[in-house]
Protein backbone atom coordinates (compact mmCIF):
# COMPACT_ATOMS: atom_id res chain seq x y z
CA MET A 1 -16.90 17.10 -3.78
CA ARG A 2 -14.57 14.23 -2.92
CA ARG A 3 -14.40 15.46 0.66
CA ASN A 4 -18.21 15.48 0.79
CA HIS A 5 -18.28 11.91 -0.50
CA LEU A 6 -15.76 10.87 2.14
CA LEU A 7 -17.75 12.49 4.94
CA ALA A 8 -20.97 10.89 3.69
CA PHE A 9 -19.40 7.44 3.65
CA LEU A 10 -17.83 7.88 7.09
CA LEU A 11 -21.17 9.07 8.48
CA LEU A 12 -22.85 5.94 7.07
CA ILE A 13 -20.20 3.73 8.66
CA GLY A 14 -20.67 5.65 11.92
CA LEU A 15 -24.40 4.97 11.91
CA LEU A 16 -23.71 1.30 11.31
CA LEU A 17 -21.25 1.29 14.21
CA ILE A 18 -23.80 2.86 16.52
CA PHE A 19 -26.37 0.26 15.46
CA PHE A 20 -24.02 -2.64 16.11
CA TYR A 21 -22.88 -1.12 19.41
CA ASN A 22 -26.48 -0.82 20.57
CA PHE A 23 -27.61 -4.17 19.18
CA LEU A 24 -24.65 -6.19 20.41
CA GLY A 25 -23.90 -4.33 23.62
CA GLY A 26 -20.61 -2.80 22.45
CA ALA A 27 -21.22 0.63 23.95
CA SER A 28 -21.75 -0.78 27.41
CA GLY A 29 -18.78 -3.12 27.18
CA ALA A 30 -21.05 -6.21 27.32
CA GLU A 31 -20.07 -7.40 23.84
CA THR A 32 -18.67 -10.92 23.82
CA GLU A 33 -15.63 -11.98 21.82
CA VAL A 34 -17.81 -13.91 19.37
CA GLN A 35 -20.18 -10.96 18.90
CA HIS A 36 -17.20 -8.69 18.40
CA GLN A 37 -15.73 -10.90 15.70
CA LEU A 38 -19.06 -11.10 13.86
CA ARG A 39 -19.48 -7.33 13.99
CA ILE A 40 -15.97 -6.69 12.66
CA GLN A 41 -16.48 -9.16 9.82
CA LYS A 42 -19.77 -7.50 8.81
CA GLU A 43 -18.18 -4.05 8.81
CA ARG A 44 -15.29 -5.26 6.66
CA LYS A 45 -17.61 -6.94 4.17
CA ALA A 46 -19.64 -3.72 3.90
CA LYS A 47 -16.53 -1.65 3.22
CA ASP A 48 -15.27 -4.07 0.56
CA ASN A 49 -18.65 -3.85 -1.16
CA PHE A 50 -18.54 -0.04 -1.03
CA LEU A 51 -15.04 0.16 -2.50
CA LYS A 52 -15.83 -2.35 -5.25
CA ASN A 53 -19.28 -1.16 -6.32
CA ASP A 54 -20.17 2.31 -5.10
CA ALA A 55 -19.94 5.32 -7.42
CA GLN A 56 -18.35 7.30 -4.58
CA SER A 57 -15.57 4.78 -4.02
CA PRO A 58 -12.09 6.35 -4.09
CA LEU A 59 -10.80 3.50 -6.24
CA LEU A 60 -10.06 4.18 -9.89
CA PRO A 61 -11.98 2.12 -12.49
CA GLY A 62 -9.02 -0.17 -13.08
CA GLN A 63 -8.58 -0.69 -9.37
CA LYS A 64 -12.26 -1.54 -8.95
CA ALA A 65 -12.07 -4.17 -11.67
CA ALA A 66 -9.14 -5.89 -9.96
CA PHE A 67 -10.29 -5.33 -6.37
CA GLU A 68 -10.85 -8.51 -4.36
CA GLY A 69 -10.98 -7.06 -0.86
CA LEU A 70 -8.86 -5.14 1.61
CA ALA A 71 -6.15 -6.76 3.69
CA TYR A 72 -6.77 -6.85 7.44
CA PHE A 73 -5.20 -8.23 10.57
CA PRO A 74 -7.43 -10.96 12.03
CA PRO A 75 -9.96 -9.64 14.57
CA ALA A 76 -8.36 -9.61 18.01
CA PHE A 77 -10.47 -8.87 21.09
CA ALA A 78 -7.34 -7.75 22.98
CA TYR A 79 -7.16 -4.67 20.74
CA ARG A 80 -10.55 -3.46 21.95
CA VAL A 81 -9.44 -1.43 24.95
CA GLN A 82 -11.33 0.68 27.44
CA ALA A 83 -10.07 4.23 27.87
CA ARG A 84 -10.72 6.97 30.38
CA LEU A 85 -11.91 10.08 28.59
CA GLN A 86 -10.92 13.54 29.77
CA LYS A 87 -12.63 16.32 27.85
CA LEU A 88 -10.45 19.39 27.31
CA SER A 89 -11.82 22.56 28.86
CA PRO A 90 -12.28 24.39 26.70
CA PRO A 91 -11.71 22.40 23.50
CA GLU A 92 -9.53 24.30 21.06
CA ASN A 93 -9.22 24.59 17.31
CA ILE A 94 -6.03 23.19 15.81
CA SER A 95 -4.64 23.13 12.28
CA LEU A 96 -4.13 19.52 11.31
CA PRO A 97 -1.47 18.87 8.64
CA MET A 98 -2.69 17.17 5.49
CA SER A 99 -1.04 14.74 3.10
CA LYS A 100 -1.04 17.58 0.60
CA GLY A 101 -2.31 21.14 0.46
CA GLN A 102 -3.24 23.42 3.31
CA PRO A 103 -3.91 22.30 6.91
CA GLU A 104 -7.52 21.84 7.97
CA THR A 105 -9.16 22.96 11.20
CA TYR A 106 -10.29 20.38 13.73
CA LEU A 107 -11.32 20.65 17.35
CA ARG A 108 -8.86 19.22 19.87
CA PHE A 109 -11.59 17.72 22.04
CA ALA A 110 -10.36 15.19 24.60
CA LYS A 111 -7.59 12.94 25.88
CA ALA A 112 -7.98 9.17 26.05
CA TYR A 113 -5.96 7.30 28.70
CA PHE A 114 -5.59 3.54 28.33
CA LYS A 115 -3.32 0.56 28.80
CA ALA A 116 -2.24 -1.98 26.21
CA LYS A 117 0.49 -4.61 26.17
CA GLY A 118 1.50 -3.62 29.68
CA GLN A 119 2.09 0.03 28.77
CA SER A 120 0.17 3.24 29.47
CA PHE A 121 -0.77 5.54 26.60
CA VAL A 122 -2.48 8.88 26.03
CA LEU A 123 -4.04 9.87 22.71
CA THR A 124 -5.58 13.14 21.58
CA LEU A 125 -9.10 12.83 20.19
CA LEU A 126 -10.43 15.35 17.71
CA ARG A 127 -13.84 16.40 16.54
CA LYS A 128 -14.67 17.20 12.96
CA THR A 129 -16.59 20.24 11.88
CA GLY A 130 -20.30 19.91 11.15
CA GLN A 131 -22.90 17.78 12.88
CA ASP A 132 -20.93 14.55 13.27
CA PRO A 133 -21.08 13.67 17.00
CA ARG A 134 -18.29 11.10 16.87
CA LEU A 135 -14.73 11.60 18.02
CA PHE A 136 -11.93 11.26 15.49
CA LEU A 137 -8.55 9.65 16.11
CA VAL A 138 -5.64 9.91 13.69
CA PHE A 139 -2.75 7.78 14.92
CA SER A 140 0.45 6.07 13.86
CA ASP A 141 2.29 3.15 15.44
CA GLN A 142 5.27 0.89 14.90
CA THR A 143 3.58 -0.84 11.96
CA SER A 144 3.15 2.46 10.05
CA GLY A 145 5.03 2.39 6.76
CA GLN A 146 5.56 -1.35 7.08
CA SER A 147 2.52 -3.59 7.30
CA THR A 148 0.16 -0.58 7.53
CA TYR A 149 -0.21 2.69 5.64
CA GLY A 150 2.65 5.12 6.32
CA GLY A 151 0.38 8.14 6.70
CA GLY A 152 -1.36 6.70 9.75
CA ARG A 153 -4.79 5.22 10.31
CA TYR A 154 -8.11 6.51 11.63
CA LEU A 155 -10.74 5.57 14.19
CA ASP A 156 -14.25 7.01 14.51
CA ILE A 157 -15.48 6.70 18.08
CA PRO A 158 -19.15 6.89 19.16
CA TYR A 159 -19.57 9.55 21.84
CA GLN A 160 -22.35 11.05 23.94
CA GLU A 161 -21.94 14.30 25.85
CA GLY A 162 -20.76 13.68 29.39
CA GLN A 163 -19.33 10.26 28.63
CA LYS A 164 -16.30 9.40 30.80
CA GLN A 165 -15.29 6.03 29.36
CA ILE A 166 -14.94 4.92 25.75
CA PHE A 167 -13.74 1.88 23.88
CA LEU A 168 -10.92 2.21 21.37
CA ASP A 169 -11.36 -0.74 19.04
CA PHE A 170 -8.23 -0.82 16.92
CA ASN A 171 -9.78 -3.65 14.91
CA GLN A 172 -11.76 -0.83 13.28
CA ALA A 173 -8.67 1.20 12.37
CA TYR A 174 -9.00 2.18 8.72
CA ASN A 175 -6.93 3.81 6.02
CA PRO A 176 -7.60 7.32 4.72
CA TYR A 177 -8.72 7.68 1.13
CA CYS A 178 -5.28 8.89 0.06
CA ALA A 179 -3.99 5.38 0.79
CA TYR A 180 -6.02 4.23 -2.23
CA ASN A 181 -5.89 7.31 -4.46
CA ALA A 182 -3.27 10.09 -4.40
CA ALA A 183 -5.86 12.63 -5.60
CA TYR A 184 -7.19 12.90 -2.04
CA ALA A 185 -5.83 15.05 0.77
CA CYS A 186 -6.00 13.39 4.18
CA PRO A 187 -5.24 14.43 7.77
CA LEU A 188 -1.91 13.25 9.16
CA PRO A 189 -1.33 12.12 12.76
CA LEU A 190 -0.24 14.59 15.39
CA PRO A 191 3.22 13.70 16.78
CA GLU A 192 1.59 13.10 20.18
CA ASN A 193 -0.57 10.39 18.61
CA HIS A 194 2.26 8.03 17.74
CA LEU A 195 2.01 4.78 19.69
CA GLU A 196 5.29 3.14 20.65
CA MET A 197 3.92 -0.33 20.02
CA LYS A 198 2.79 -2.42 17.08
CA VAL A 199 -0.95 -2.14 16.60
CA GLU A 200 -1.46 -5.34 14.64
CA ALA A 201 -5.17 -4.81 14.26
CA GLY A 202 -7.45 -3.21 11.70
CA GLU A 203 -6.73 -2.40 8.09
CA MET A 204 -3.34 -3.17 6.58
CA ALA A 205 -1.49 -1.39 3.77
CA PHE A 206 -3.34 -1.22 0.44
CA HIS A 207 -1.70 -2.96 -2.52
CA PRO A 208 -3.69 -2.46 -5.73
């Protein structure tokens, strides 16, 4: 049931992302820095409201009562990077390790090639089971276990079949539910998805 709640919330966030991408030009890359900052702030406010007030929030009652908002790095346009997408042919099922319990099956779907801070990187993008069309990134970086959650962070990436370029907006990097509540089991990053740089963008470590 908790997994269903998580998927429902992530799907809602995904729909909001698609709306803002279409409305503000994010999907085409035409989004300005000001528009980007406004979009990120709206998304963060919506998530804080969900965690504080929604019945499906992963926070425990005591945590909800004390919750005043998540900690984030300030929005930084430089962490919204364009990546070349190479779909794997054919995509393959993989068993993704979880924070606890048995591995879960995901589809190893594509590789994303991009540059940041003068370095070149490659990340593996996954696809979840079901009807969710987005791509799923589980990654770690040099902030993991320090200023950000040690189990890695996630990105949900809008995708249309045949797309060759995507934007990885690390300002949207978010914590898995197990960062807030140990009752949840969450996917862990593949070793190949560790970034040898500090991604000082997105959600920071949760301190109840």
